Structures are given as structure tokens and as C-alpha cells.
PDB file of N, CA and C in Angstrom:
ATOM      1  N   UNK A   1      -4.958   4.909-149.141  1.00  0.00           N
ATOM      2  CA  UNK A   1      -5.881   5.908-148.613  1.00  0.00           C
ATOM      3  C   UNK A   1      -5.931   5.798-147.098  1.00  0.00           C
ATOM      4  N   UNK A   2      -5.992   6.955-146.427  1.00  0.00           N
ATOM      5  CA  UNK A   2      -6.064   7.014-144.972  1.00  0.00           C
ATOM      6  C   UNK A   2      -7.228   7.907-144.577  1.00  0.00           C
ATOM      7  N   UNK A   3      -8.028   7.439-143.649  1.00  0.00           N
ATOM      8  CA  UNK A   3      -9.131   8.228-143.104  1.00  0.00           C
ATOM      9  C   UNK A   3      -8.777   8.600-141.680  1.00  0.00           C
ATOM     10  N   UNK A   4      -8.799   9.909-141.392  1.00  0.00           N
ATOM     11  CA  UNK A   4      -8.382  10.413-140.083  1.00  0.00           C
ATOM     12  C   UNK A   4      -9.568  11.014-139.345  1.00  0.00           C
ATOM     13  N   UNK A   5      -9.694  10.701-138.078  1.00  0.00           N
ATOM     14  CA  UNK A   5     -10.776  11.239-137.249  1.00  0.00           C
ATOM     15  C   UNK A   5     -10.174  11.766-135.956  1.00  0.00           C
ATOM     16  N   UNK A   6     -10.376  13.075-135.711  1.00  0.00           N
ATOM     17  CA  UNK A   6      -9.882  13.699-134.492  1.00  0.00           C
ATOM     18  C   UNK A   6     -10.933  13.620-133.392  1.00  0.00           C
ATOM     19  N   UNK A   7     -10.465  13.644-132.167  1.00  0.00           N
ATOM     20  CA  UNK A   7     -11.345  13.705-131.004  1.00  0.00           C
ATOM     21  C   UNK A   7     -10.589  14.367-129.866  1.00  0.00           C
ATOM     22  N   UNK A   8     -11.321  14.742-128.823  1.00  0.00           N
ATOM     23  CA  UNK A   8     -10.686  15.273-127.628  1.00  0.00           C
ATOM     24  C   UNK A   8     -10.775  16.769-127.464  1.00  0.00           C
ATOM     25  N   UNK A   9     -11.336  17.461-128.451  1.00  0.00           N
ATOM     26  CA  UNK A   9     -11.470  18.900-128.303  1.00  0.00           C
ATOM     27  C   UNK A   9     -12.538  19.255-127.279  1.00  0.00           C
ATOM     28  N   UNK A  10     -12.609  20.532-126.960  1.00  0.00           N
ATOM     29  CA  UNK A  10     -13.613  20.978-126.011  1.00  0.00           C
ATOM     30  C   UNK A  10     -13.312  22.352-125.480  1.00  0.00           C
ATOM     31  N   UNK A  11     -14.003  22.698-124.402  1.00  0.00           N
ATOM     32  CA  UNK A  11     -13.845  23.995-123.740  1.00  0.00           C
ATOM     33  C   UNK A  11     -13.039  23.796-122.469  1.00  0.00           C
ATOM     34  N   UNK A  12     -12.020  24.622-122.301  1.00  0.00           N
ATOM     35  CA  UNK A  12     -11.168  24.519-121.117  1.00  0.00           C
ATOM     36  C   UNK A  12     -10.749  25.918-120.686  1.00  0.00           C
ATOM     37  N   UNK A  13     -10.505  26.094-119.414  1.00  0.00           N
ATOM     38  CA  UNK A  13     -10.037  27.388-118.914  1.00  0.00           C
ATOM     39  C   UNK A  13      -8.550  27.561-119.193  1.00  0.00           C
ATOM     40  N   UNK A  14      -8.132  28.790-119.288  1.00  0.00           N
ATOM     41  CA  UNK A  14      -6.714  29.080-119.471  1.00  0.00           C
ATOM     42  C   UNK A  14      -5.899  28.402-118.369  1.00  0.00           C
ATOM     43  N   UNK A  15      -4.786  27.805-118.770  1.00  0.00           N
ATOM     44  CA  UNK A  15      -3.946  27.055-117.857  1.00  0.00           C
ATOM     45  C   UNK A  15      -4.275  25.586-117.791  1.00  0.00           C
ATOM     46  N   UNK A  16      -5.389  25.203-118.376  1.00  0.00           N
ATOM     47  CA  UNK A  16      -5.809  23.812-118.364  1.00  0.00           C
ATOM     48  C   UNK A  16      -5.158  22.989-119.443  1.00  0.00           C
ATOM     49  N   UNK A  17      -5.597  21.735-119.535  1.00  0.00           N
ATOM     50  CA  UNK A  17      -5.007  20.786-120.474  1.00  0.00           C
ATOM     51  C   UNK A  17      -6.085  20.047-121.256  1.00  0.00           C
ATOM     52  N   UNK A  18      -5.711  19.632-122.438  1.00  0.00           N
ATOM     53  CA  UNK A  18      -6.529  18.755-123.266  1.00  0.00           C
ATOM     54  C   UNK A  18      -5.600  17.805-123.997  1.00  0.00           C
ATOM     55  N   UNK A  19      -6.113  16.626-124.323  1.00  0.00           N
ATOM     56  CA  UNK A  19      -5.359  15.708-125.173  1.00  0.00           C
ATOM     57  C   UNK A  19      -6.207  15.378-126.391  1.00  0.00           C
ATOM     58  N   UNK A  20      -5.694  15.742-127.530  1.00  0.00           N
ATOM     59  CA  UNK A  20      -6.355  15.407-128.787  1.00  0.00           C
ATOM     60  C   UNK A  20      -5.846  14.058-129.280  1.00  0.00           C
ATOM     61  N   UNK A  21      -6.727  13.329-129.919  1.00  0.00           N
ATOM     62  CA  UNK A  21      -6.348  12.057-130.530  1.00  0.00           C
ATOM     63  C   UNK A  21      -6.757  12.066-131.994  1.00  0.00           C
ATOM     64  N   UNK A  22      -5.982  11.402-132.806  1.00  0.00           N
ATOM     65  CA  UNK A  22      -6.263  11.263-134.233  1.00  0.00           C
ATOM     66  C   UNK A  22      -6.189   9.785-134.562  1.00  0.00           C
ATOM     67  N   UNK A  23      -7.348   9.193-134.789  1.00  0.00           N
ATOM     68  CA  UNK A  23      -7.410   7.767-135.111  1.00  0.00           C
ATOM     69  C   UNK A  23      -7.457   7.584-136.621  1.00  0.00           C
ATOM     70  N   UNK A  24      -6.653   6.677-137.106  1.00  0.00           N
ATOM     71  CA  UNK A  24      -6.555   6.457-138.542  1.00  0.00           C
ATOM     72  C   UNK A  24      -7.098   5.094-138.928  1.00  0.00           C
ATOM     73  N   UNK A  25      -7.703   5.041-140.080  1.00  0.00           N
ATOM     74  CA  UNK A  25      -8.113   3.767-140.676  1.00  0.00           C
ATOM     75  C   UNK A  25      -7.604   3.747-142.111  1.00  0.00           C
ATOM     76  N   UNK A  26      -7.507   2.551-142.648  1.00  0.00           N
ATOM     77  CA  UNK A  26      -6.903   2.426-143.966  1.00  0.00           C
ATOM     78  C   UNK A  26      -5.441   2.084-143.797  1.00  0.00           C
ATOM     79  N   UNK A  27      -4.575   2.750-144.487  1.00  0.00           N
ATOM     80  CA  UNK A  27      -3.155   2.479-144.352  1.00  0.00           C
ATOM     81  C   UNK A  27      -2.660   2.891-142.974  1.00  0.00           C
ATOM     82  N   UNK A  28      -1.675   2.211-142.509  1.00  0.00           N
ATOM     83  CA  UNK A  28      -1.135   2.493-141.193  1.00  0.00           C
ATOM     84  C   UNK A  28      -0.452   3.850-141.164  1.00  0.00           C
ATOM     85  N   UNK A  29      -0.602   4.542-140.042  1.00  0.00           N
ATOM     86  CA  UNK A  29       0.000   5.866-139.920  1.00  0.00           C
ATOM     87  C   UNK A  29       1.521   5.789-139.874  1.00  0.00           C
ATOM     88  N   UNK A  30       2.060   4.614-139.630  1.00  0.00           N
ATOM     89  CA  UNK A  30       3.512   4.485-139.596  1.00  0.00           C
ATOM     90  C   UNK A  30       4.137   4.746-140.960  1.00  0.00           C
ATOM     91  N   UNK A  31       3.291   4.802-141.998  1.00  0.00           N
ATOM     92  CA  UNK A  31       3.791   5.092-143.335  1.00  0.00           C
ATOM     93  C   UNK A  31       4.001   6.577-143.570  1.00  0.00           C
ATOM     94  N   UNK A  32       3.538   7.414-142.630  1.00  0.00           N
ATOM     95  CA  UNK A  32       3.499   8.849-142.864  1.00  0.00           C
ATOM     96  C   UNK A  32       4.063   9.653-141.711  1.00  0.00           C
ATOM     97  N   UNK A  33       4.581  10.810-142.049  1.00  0.00           N
ATOM     98  CA  UNK A  33       4.737  11.860-141.053  1.00  0.00           C
ATOM     99  C   UNK A  33       3.337  12.334-140.691  1.00  0.00           C
ATOM    100  N   UNK A  34       3.109  12.529-139.401  1.00  0.00           N
ATOM    101  CA  UNK A  34       1.801  12.976-138.942  1.00  0.00           C
ATOM    102  C   UNK A  34       1.926  14.348-138.308  1.00  0.00           C
ATOM    103  N   UNK A  35       0.971  15.203-138.609  1.00  0.00           N
ATOM    104  CA  UNK A  35       1.037  16.560-138.100  1.00  0.00           C
ATOM    105  C   UNK A  35      -0.285  17.021-137.521  1.00  0.00           C
ATOM    106  N   UNK A  36      -0.177  18.062-136.719  1.00  0.00           N
ATOM    107  CA  UNK A  36      -1.350  18.771-136.203  1.00  0.00           C
ATOM    108  C   UNK A  36      -1.262  20.215-136.690  1.00  0.00           C
ATOM    109  N   UNK A  37      -2.377  20.714-137.168  1.00  0.00           N
ATOM    110  CA  UNK A  37      -2.498  22.086-137.622  1.00  0.00           C
ATOM    111  C   UNK A  37      -3.711  22.702-136.930  1.00  0.00           C
ATOM    112  N   UNK A  38      -3.800  24.022-136.973  1.00  0.00           N
ATOM    113  CA  UNK A  38      -4.970  24.690-136.411  1.00  0.00           C
ATOM    114  C   UNK A  38      -5.361  25.877-137.268  1.00  0.00           C
ATOM    115  N   UNK A  39      -6.614  26.223-137.153  1.00  0.00           N
ATOM    116  CA  UNK A  39      -7.122  27.325-137.968  1.00  0.00           C
ATOM    117  C   UNK A  39      -8.212  28.068-137.221  1.00  0.00           C
ATOM    118  N   UNK A  40      -8.141  29.390-137.283  1.00  0.00           N
ATOM    119  CA  UNK A  40      -9.197  30.243-136.760  1.00  0.00           C
ATOM    120  C   UNK A  40      -9.855  30.926-137.943  1.00  0.00           C
ATOM    121  N   UNK A  41     -11.107  31.330-137.788  1.00  0.00           N
ATOM    122  CA  UNK A  41     -11.820  31.964-138.915  1.00  0.00           C
ATOM    123  C   UNK A  41     -11.080  33.177-139.440  1.00  0.00           C
ATOM    124  N   UNK A  42     -10.961  33.242-140.748  1.00  0.00           N
ATOM    125  CA  UNK A  42     -10.331  34.382-141.372  1.00  0.00           C
ATOM    126  C   UNK A  42      -8.822  34.302-141.481  1.00  0.00           C
ATOM    127  N   UNK A  43      -8.238  33.238-140.953  1.00  0.00           N
ATOM    128  CA  UNK A  43      -6.786  33.078-141.014  1.00  0.00           C
ATOM    129  C   UNK A  43      -6.434  31.779-141.715  1.00  0.00           C
ATOM    130  N   UNK A  44      -5.187  31.717-142.192  1.00  0.00           N
ATOM    131  CA  UNK A  44      -4.721  30.494-142.821  1.00  0.00           C
ATOM    132  C   UNK A  44      -4.489  29.405-141.781  1.00  0.00           C
ATOM    133  N   UNK A  45      -4.581  28.182-142.261  1.00  0.00           N
ATOM    134  CA  UNK A  45      -4.279  27.059-141.388  1.00  0.00           C
ATOM    135  C   UNK A  45      -2.789  27.106-141.039  1.00  0.00           C
ATOM    136  N   UNK A  46      -2.467  26.924-139.765  1.00  0.00           N
ATOM    137  CA  UNK A  46      -1.074  27.024-139.355  1.00  0.00           C
ATOM    138  C   UNK A  46      -0.578  25.723-138.736  1.00  0.00           C
ATOM    139  N   UNK A  47       0.691  25.493-138.939  1.00  0.00           N
ATOM    140  CA  UNK A  47       1.357  24.314-138.396  1.00  0.00           C
ATOM    141  C   UNK A  47       1.475  24.425-136.880  1.00  0.00           C
ATOM    142  N   UNK A  48       1.235  23.306-136.202  1.00  0.00           N
ATOM    143  CA  UNK A  48       1.386  23.250-134.751  1.00  0.00           C
ATOM    144  C   UNK A  48       2.512  22.296-134.361  1.00  0.00           C
ATOM    145  N   UNK A  49       2.425  21.056-134.837  1.00  0.00           N
ATOM    146  CA  UNK A  49       3.411  20.053-134.444  1.00  0.00           C
ATOM    147  C   UNK A  49       3.398  18.920-135.463  1.00  0.00           C
ATOM    148  N   UNK A  50       4.504  18.181-135.511  1.00  0.00           N
ATOM    149  CA  UNK A  50       4.578  17.007-136.387  1.00  0.00           C
ATOM    150  C   UNK A  50       5.506  15.980-135.767  1.00  0.00           C
ATOM    151  N   UNK A  51       5.319  14.744-136.206  1.00  0.00           N
ATOM    152  CA  UNK A  51       6.152  13.652-135.699  1.00  0.00           C
ATOM    153  C   UNK A  51       6.519  12.758-136.877  1.00  0.00           C
ATOM    154  N   UNK A  52       7.772  12.336-136.903  1.00  0.00           N
ATOM    155  CA  UNK A  52       8.252  11.515-138.003  1.00  0.00           C
ATOM    156  C   UNK A  52       7.631  10.125-137.974  1.00  0.00           C
ATOM    157  N   UNK A  53       7.827   9.380-139.039  1.00  0.00           N
ATOM    158  CA  UNK A  53       7.232   8.051-139.143  1.00  0.00           C
ATOM    159  C   UNK A  53       7.679   7.141-138.011  1.00  0.00           C
ATOM    160  N   UNK A  54       8.932   7.252-137.635  1.00  0.00           N
ATOM    161  CA  UNK A  54       9.444   6.400-136.557  1.00  0.00           C
ATOM    162  C   UNK A  54       9.070   6.914-135.180  1.00  0.00           C
ATOM    163  N   UNK A  55       8.715   8.182-135.123  1.00  0.00           N
ATOM    164  CA  UNK A  55       8.450   8.808-133.827  1.00  0.00           C
ATOM    165  C   UNK A  55       9.696   9.374-133.177  1.00  0.00           C
ATOM    166  N   UNK A  56      10.834   9.231-133.817  1.00  0.00           N
ATOM    167  CA  UNK A  56      12.084   9.681-133.212  1.00  0.00           C
ATOM    168  C   UNK A  56      12.300  11.183-133.311  1.00  0.00           C
ATOM    169  N   UNK A  57      11.592  11.812-134.235  1.00  0.00           N
ATOM    170  CA  UNK A  57      11.769  13.250-134.444  1.00  0.00           C
ATOM    171  C   UNK A  57      10.438  13.960-134.319  1.00  0.00           C
ATOM    172  N   UNK A  58      10.448  15.048-133.569  1.00  0.00           N
ATOM    173  CA  UNK A  58       9.257  15.871-133.408  1.00  0.00           C
ATOM    174  C   UNK A  58       9.584  17.317-133.736  1.00  0.00           C
ATOM    175  N   UNK A  59       8.571  18.042-134.144  1.00  0.00           N
ATOM    176  CA  UNK A  59       8.728  19.416-134.589  1.00  0.00           C
ATOM    177  C   UNK A  59       7.557  20.225-134.037  1.00  0.00           C
ATOM    178  N   UNK A  60       7.849  21.458-133.611  1.00  0.00           N
ATOM    179  CA  UNK A  60       6.821  22.307-133.025  1.00  0.00           C
ATOM    180  C   UNK A  60       6.966  23.736-133.518  1.00  0.00           C
ATOM    181  N   UNK A  61       5.840  24.414-133.655  1.00  0.00           N
ATOM    182  CA  UNK A  61       5.915  25.842-133.855  1.00  0.00           C
ATOM    183  C   UNK A  61       6.329  26.484-132.543  1.00  0.00           C
ATOM    184  N   UNK A  62       6.986  27.625-132.633  1.00  0.00           N
ATOM    185  CA  UNK A  62       7.584  28.229-131.437  1.00  0.00           C
ATOM    186  C   UNK A  62       6.566  28.506-130.335  1.00  0.00           C
ATOM    187  N   UNK A  63       5.365  28.891-130.719  1.00  0.00           N
ATOM    188  CA  UNK A  63       4.390  29.320-129.716  1.00  0.00           C
ATOM    189  C   UNK A  63       3.887  28.180-128.827  1.00  0.00           C
ATOM    190  N   UNK A  64       4.136  26.927-129.210  1.00  0.00           N
ATOM    191  CA  UNK A  64       3.644  25.813-128.391  1.00  0.00           C
ATOM    192  C   UNK A  64       4.776  24.997-127.776  1.00  0.00           C
ATOM    193  N   UNK A  65       6.006  25.330-128.104  1.00  0.00           N
ATOM    194  CA  UNK A  65       7.140  24.581-127.547  1.00  0.00           C
ATOM    195  C   UNK A  65       7.129  24.651-126.025  1.00  0.00           C
ATOM    196  N   UNK A  66       7.320  23.503-125.403  1.00  0.00           N
ATOM    197  CA  UNK A  66       7.311  23.422-123.955  1.00  0.00           C
ATOM    198  C   UNK A  66       5.926  23.253-123.360  1.00  0.00           C
ATOM    199  N   UNK A  67       4.889  23.415-124.170  1.00  0.00           N
ATOM    200  CA  UNK A  67       3.512  23.263-123.676  1.00  0.00           C
ATOM    201  C   UNK A  67       2.799  22.088-124.334  1.00  0.00           C
ATOM    202  N   UNK A  68       3.061  21.853-125.607  1.00  0.00           N
ATOM    203  CA  UNK A  68       2.391  20.786-126.355  1.00  0.00           C
ATOM    204  C   UNK A  68       3.382  19.648-126.613  1.00  0.00           C
ATOM    205  N   UNK A  69       2.853  18.442-126.643  1.00  0.00           N
ATOM    206  CA  UNK A  69       3.669  17.274-126.966  1.00  0.00           C
ATOM    207  C   UNK A  69       2.918  16.390-127.947  1.00  0.00           C
ATOM    208  N   UNK A  70       3.565  16.089-129.064  1.00  0.00           N
ATOM    209  CA  UNK A  70       2.979  15.183-130.043  1.00  0.00           C
ATOM    210  C   UNK A  70       3.583  13.800-129.845  1.00  0.00           C
ATOM    211  N   UNK A  71       2.757  12.788-129.994  1.00  0.00           N
ATOM    212  CA  UNK A  71       3.238  11.416-129.860  1.00  0.00           C
ATOM    213  C   UNK A  71       2.410  10.528-130.780  1.00  0.00           C
ATOM    214  N   UNK A  72       2.900   9.325-130.975  1.00  0.00           N
ATOM    215  CA  UNK A  72       2.172   8.400-131.835  1.00  0.00           C
ATOM    216  C   UNK A  72       2.253   6.998-131.265  1.00  0.00           C
ATOM    217  N   UNK A  73       1.201   6.248-131.475  1.00  0.00           N
ATOM    218  CA  UNK A  73       1.159   4.829-131.110  1.00  0.00           C
ATOM    219  C   UNK A  73       0.827   4.092-132.390  1.00  0.00           C
ATOM    220  N   UNK A  74       1.863   3.630-133.067  1.00  0.00           N
ATOM    221  CA  UNK A  74       1.640   2.993-134.365  1.00  0.00           C
ATOM    222  C   UNK A  74       0.843   1.698-134.224  1.00  0.00           C
ATOM    223  N   UNK A  75       0.949   1.040-133.088  1.00  0.00           N
ATOM    224  CA  UNK A  75       0.184  -0.191-132.887  1.00  0.00           C
ATOM    225  C   UNK A  75      -1.311   0.089-132.843  1.00  0.00           C
ATOM    226  N   UNK A  76      -1.661   1.274-132.327  1.00  0.00           N
ATOM    227  CA  UNK A  76      -3.076   1.669-132.257  1.00  0.00           C
ATOM    228  C   UNK A  76      -3.477   2.550-133.438  1.00  0.00           C
ATOM    229  N   UNK A  77      -2.500   2.825-134.317  1.00  0.00           N
ATOM    230  CA  UNK A  77      -2.767   3.668-135.488  1.00  0.00           C
ATOM    231  C   UNK A  77      -3.344   5.025-135.071  1.00  0.00           C
ATOM    232  N   UNK A  78      -2.759   5.596-134.027  1.00  0.00           N
ATOM    233  CA  UNK A  78      -3.276   6.824-133.432  1.00  0.00           C
ATOM    234  C   UNK A  78      -2.141   7.788-133.135  1.00  0.00           C
ATOM    235  N   UNK A  79      -2.432   9.060-133.334  1.00  0.00           N
ATOM    236  CA  UNK A  79      -1.502  10.139-133.015  1.00  0.00           C
ATOM    237  C   UNK A  79      -2.168  11.034-131.983  1.00  0.00           C
ATOM    238  N   UNK A  80      -1.363  11.560-131.065  1.00  0.00           N
ATOM    239  CA  UNK A  80      -1.891  12.368-129.972  1.00  0.00           C
ATOM    240  C   UNK A  80      -1.246  13.738-129.953  1.00  0.00           C
ATOM    241  N   UNK A  81      -1.974  14.693-129.394  1.00  0.00           N
ATOM    242  CA  UNK A  81      -1.404  16.005-129.103  1.00  0.00           C
ATOM    243  C   UNK A  81      -1.812  16.368-127.682  1.00  0.00           C
ATOM    244  N   UNK A  82      -0.858  16.284-126.783  1.00  0.00           N
ATOM    245  CA  UNK A  82      -1.090  16.690-125.399  1.00  0.00           C
ATOM    246  C   UNK A  82      -0.848  18.186-125.305  1.00  0.00           C
ATOM    247  N   UNK A  83      -1.844  18.908-124.854  1.00  0.00           N
ATOM    248  CA  UNK A  83      -1.768  20.364-124.780  1.00  0.00           C
ATOM    249  C   UNK A  83      -1.900  20.794-123.327  1.00  0.00           C
ATOM    250  N   UNK A  84      -0.856  21.366-122.788  1.00  0.00           N
ATOM    251  CA  UNK A  84      -0.844  21.852-121.403  1.00  0.00           C
ATOM    252  C   UNK A  84      -0.702  23.365-121.383  1.00  0.00           C
ATOM    253  N   UNK A  85      -0.995  23.946-120.250  1.00  0.00           N
ATOM    254  CA  UNK A  85      -0.868  25.404-120.069  1.00  0.00           C
ATOM    255  C   UNK A  85      -1.533  26.147-121.213  1.00  0.00           C
ATOM    256  N   UNK A  86      -2.744  25.764-121.503  1.00  0.00           N
ATOM    257  CA  UNK A  86      -3.445  26.340-122.643  1.00  0.00           C
ATOM    258  C   UNK A  86      -3.722  27.824-122.434  1.00  0.00           C
ATOM    259  N   UNK A  87      -3.682  28.545-123.547  1.00  0.00           N
ATOM    260  CA  UNK A  87      -3.907  29.990-123.540  1.00  0.00           C
ATOM    261  C   UNK A  87      -5.096  30.306-124.453  1.00  0.00           C
ATOM    262  N   UNK A  88      -5.752  31.433-124.228  1.00  0.00           N
ATOM    263  CA  UNK A  88      -6.870  31.802-125.110  1.00  0.00           C
ATOM    264  C   UNK A  88      -6.467  31.837-126.590  1.00  0.00           C
ATOM    265  N   UNK A  89      -5.235  32.207-126.873  1.00  0.00           N
ATOM    266  CA  UNK A  89      -4.795  32.263-128.272  1.00  0.00           C
ATOM    267  C   UNK A  89      -4.607  30.885-128.896  1.00  0.00           C
ATOM    268  N   UNK A  90      -4.728  29.826-128.114  1.00  0.00           N
ATOM    269  CA  UNK A  90      -4.707  28.472-128.672  1.00  0.00           C
ATOM    270  C   UNK A  90      -6.079  28.060-129.215  1.00  0.00           C
ATOM    271  N   UNK A  91      -7.076  28.890-128.997  1.00  0.00           N
ATOM    272  CA  UNK A  91      -8.417  28.593-129.492  1.00  0.00           C
ATOM    273  C   UNK A  91      -8.412  28.489-131.010  1.00  0.00           C
ATOM    274  N   UNK A  92      -8.921  27.371-131.516  1.00  0.00           N
ATOM    275  CA  UNK A  92      -8.913  27.117-132.962  1.00  0.00           C
ATOM    276  C   UNK A  92      -9.569  25.772-133.227  1.00  0.00           C
ATOM    277  N   UNK A  93      -9.790  25.497-134.498  1.00  0.00           N
ATOM    278  CA  UNK A  93     -10.111  24.139-134.915  1.00  0.00           C
ATOM    279  C   UNK A  93      -8.786  23.441-135.202  1.00  0.00           C
ATOM    280  N   UNK A  94      -8.595  22.304-134.589  1.00  0.00           N
ATOM    281  CA  UNK A  94      -7.355  21.549-134.738  1.00  0.00           C
ATOM    282  C   UNK A  94      -7.574  20.384-135.697  1.00  0.00           C
ATOM    283  N   UNK A  95      -6.647  20.274-136.652  1.00  0.00           N
ATOM    284  CA  UNK A  95      -6.723  19.250-137.678  1.00  0.00           C
ATOM    285  C   UNK A  95      -5.525  18.318-137.591  1.00  0.00           C
ATOM    286  N   UNK A  96      -5.786  17.061-137.801  1.00  0.00           N
ATOM    287  CA  UNK A  96      -4.751  16.045-137.934  1.00  0.00           C
ATOM    288  C   UNK A  96      -4.476  15.841-139.417  1.00  0.00           C
ATOM    289  N   UNK A  97      -3.224  15.596-139.753  1.00  0.00           N
ATOM    290  CA  UNK A  97      -2.861  15.406-141.151  1.00  0.00           C
ATOM    291  C   UNK A  97      -1.773  14.349-141.278  1.00  0.00           C
ATOM    292  N   UNK A  98      -1.753  13.696-142.425  1.00  0.00           N
ATOM    293  CA  UNK A  98      -0.727  12.701-142.696  1.00  0.00           C
ATOM    294  C   UNK A  98      -0.171  12.857-144.095  1.00  0.00           C
ATOM    295  N   UNK A  99       1.122  12.589-144.234  1.00  0.00           N
ATOM    296  CA  UNK A  99       1.740  12.702-145.546  1.00  0.00           C
ATOM    297  C   UNK A  99       3.224  12.485-145.459  1.00  0.00           C
ATOM    298  N   UNK A 100       3.904  12.868-146.521  1.00  0.00           N
ATOM    299  CA  UNK A 100       5.357  12.809-146.567  1.00  0.00           C
ATOM    300  C   UNK A 100       5.884  14.172-146.995  1.00  0.00           C
ATOM    301  N   UNK A 101       5.754  15.149-146.118  1.00  0.00           N
ATOM    302  CA  UNK A 101       6.141  16.516-146.487  1.00  0.00           C
ATOM    303  C   UNK A 101       7.643  16.693-146.625  1.00  0.00           C
ATOM    304  N   UNK A 102       8.010  17.638-147.472  1.00  0.00           N
ATOM    305  CA  UNK A 102       9.428  17.983-147.604  1.00  0.00           C
ATOM    306  C   UNK A 102       9.928  18.576-146.287  1.00  0.00           C
ATOM    307  N   UNK A 103       9.110  19.415-145.711  1.00  0.00           N
ATOM    308  CA  UNK A 103       9.369  19.910-144.369  1.00  0.00           C
ATOM    309  C   UNK A 103       8.117  19.708-143.543  1.00  0.00           C
ATOM    310  N   UNK A 104       8.252  19.456-142.289  1.00  0.00           N
ATOM    311  CA  UNK A 104       7.122  19.075-141.442  1.00  0.00           C
ATOM    312  C   UNK A 104       6.030  20.129-141.414  1.00  0.00           C
ATOM    313  N   UNK A 105       6.398  21.393-141.598  1.00  0.00           N
ATOM    314  CA  UNK A 105       5.426  22.469-141.468  1.00  0.00           C
ATOM    315  C   UNK A 105       4.711  22.817-142.766  1.00  0.00           C
ATOM    316  N   UNK A 106       5.025  22.116-143.851  1.00  0.00           N
ATOM    317  CA  UNK A 106       4.458  22.472-145.149  1.00  0.00           C
ATOM    318  C   UNK A 106       3.055  21.891-145.307  1.00  0.00           C
ATOM    319  N   UNK A 107       2.073  22.744-145.088  1.00  0.00           N
ATOM    320  CA  UNK A 107       0.671  22.329-145.111  1.00  0.00           C
ATOM    321  C   UNK A 107       0.308  21.598-146.400  1.00  0.00           C
ATOM    322  N   UNK A 108       0.699  22.137-147.525  1.00  0.00           N
ATOM    323  CA  UNK A 108       0.272  21.591-148.813  1.00  0.00           C
ATOM    324  C   UNK A 108       0.891  20.239-149.133  1.00  0.00           C
ATOM    325  N   UNK A 109       1.891  19.822-148.370  1.00  0.00           N
ATOM    326  CA  UNK A 109       2.533  18.534-148.626  1.00  0.00           C
ATOM    327  C   UNK A 109       1.853  17.380-147.902  1.00  0.00           C
ATOM    328  N   UNK A 110       0.845  17.690-147.107  1.00  0.00           N
ATOM    329  CA  UNK A 110       0.115  16.625-146.416  1.00  0.00           C
ATOM    330  C   UNK A 110      -1.066  16.193-147.288  1.00  0.00           C
ATOM    331  N   UNK A 111      -1.223  14.901-147.456  1.00  0.00           N
ATOM    332  CA  UNK A 111      -2.232  14.365-148.369  1.00  0.00           C
ATOM    333  C   UNK A 111      -3.565  14.056-147.691  1.00  0.00           C
ATOM    334  N   UNK A 112      -3.526  13.758-146.418  1.00  0.00           N
ATOM    335  CA  UNK A 112      -4.727  13.279-145.725  1.00  0.00           C
ATOM    336  C   UNK A 112      -5.029  14.175-144.538  1.00  0.00           C
ATOM    337  N   UNK A 113      -6.308  14.510-144.406  1.00  0.00           N
ATOM    338  CA  UNK A 113      -6.742  15.437-143.374  1.00  0.00           C
ATOM    339  C   UNK A 113      -7.981  14.911-142.675  1.00  0.00           C
ATOM    340  N   UNK A 114      -8.061  15.169-141.372  1.00  0.00           N
ATOM    341  CA  UNK A 114      -9.276  14.898-140.636  1.00  0.00           C
ATOM    342  C   UNK A 114     -10.260  16.042-140.780  1.00  0.00           C
ATOM    343  N   UNK A 115     -11.393  15.899-140.109  1.00  0.00           N
ATOM    344  CA  UNK A 115     -12.452  16.904-140.220  1.00  0.00           C
ATOM    345  C   UNK A 115     -12.279  18.037-139.220  1.00  0.00           C
ATOM    346  N   UNK A 116     -11.408  17.854-138.253  1.00  0.00           N
ATOM    347  CA  UNK A 116     -11.124  18.905-137.278  1.00  0.00           C
ATOM    348  C   UNK A 116     -11.904  18.740-135.987  1.00  0.00           C
ATOM    349  N   UNK A 117     -11.324  19.265-134.918  1.00  0.00           N
ATOM    350  CA  UNK A 117     -11.987  19.280-133.620  1.00  0.00           C
ATOM    351  C   UNK A 117     -11.768  20.652-132.990  1.00  0.00           C
ATOM    352  N   UNK A 118     -12.819  21.208-132.412  1.00  0.00           N
ATOM    353  CA  UNK A 118     -12.762  22.572-131.861  1.00  0.00           C
ATOM    354  C   UNK A 118     -12.126  22.557-130.473  1.00  0.00           C
ATOM    355  N   UNK A 119     -11.174  23.445-130.293  1.00  0.00           N
ATOM    356  CA  UNK A 119     -10.588  23.701-128.976  1.00  0.00           C
ATOM    357  C   UNK A 119     -10.854  25.151-128.625  1.00  0.00           C
ATOM    358  N   UNK A 120     -11.489  25.365-127.490  1.00  0.00           N
ATOM    359  CA  UNK A 120     -11.783  26.714-127.027  1.00  0.00           C
ATOM    360  C   UNK A 120     -11.205  26.897-125.634  1.00  0.00           C
ATOM    361  N   UNK A 121     -10.378  27.931-125.481  1.00  0.00           N
ATOM    362  CA  UNK A 121      -9.739  28.219-124.203  1.00  0.00           C
ATOM    363  C   UNK A 121     -10.278  29.549-123.700  1.00  0.00           C
ATOM    364  N   UNK A 122     -10.923  29.504-122.564  1.00  0.00           N
ATOM    365  CA  UNK A 122     -11.510  30.718-121.998  1.00  0.00           C
ATOM    366  C   UNK A 122     -10.532  31.386-121.044  1.00  0.00           C
ATOM    367  N   UNK A 123     -10.606  32.703-120.973  1.00  0.00           N
ATOM    368  CA  UNK A 123      -9.679  33.457-120.108  1.00  0.00           C
ATOM    369  C   UNK A 123     -10.239  33.633-118.708  1.00  0.00           C
TER     370      UNK A 123
END
């Protein structure tokens, strides 16, 4: 069992930056692919980024490529999402997830989820 807690969300102006953190307790996150997803009211949760267990492979949805960077510190049992050049359309609740998905973007293949952290980008 893994318990995930996100932090680092907040209000930022367009063009600004935020760094989200996902701290895990229980089993080490090195056992899992870790992902970040986001959701706005009325829409499905969407994939943002993922990182392999070793950290050697990363995956991003097209809309955040070149702006967001996912990383992990297995020694600290923490995963990060550095978000730069934020846009109003990045506004959402961001969720951390862990699992062994068939593909990194497959929401239903992640077994463990955090409670989410709100990111709001003003124009």
C-alpha cells in the first residue's frame, strides 16, 4: 500500500512557475511508475506526465512538452512536477498517481492516488 500526498499548488500568473511535490509513505515509489494527472470540473481526468521506476524514461502529453518536467527522488520517496511558462488552460486539480500501467497515460492502470492539489493560472 502507498499513501500519496501532493503539495505545491497555488495561484500564479500566466508565464509563472510552480513545482508540485508528491510525497509517498508505505512502499517505496521506486516500485512504481509515477504519474501526474489533472482534472477540471466537468471533464475527465487527463494524463500530464509520467516517469518510469528507474527515472530513465519520461512521458508527457503534447500540451506540456517543453514546459513541464517530471522527476523523482527515490531516496526521498518523492516525485516532482516542475511547471514553467504556465498558461490559464493549465488550471486544474493536479493528482499524483502510482502503479504499473501498461502505458504511462492509462489512468485506470494506476492503483494509488493522492488527494489532489489546486493549480490556478490567472491571465
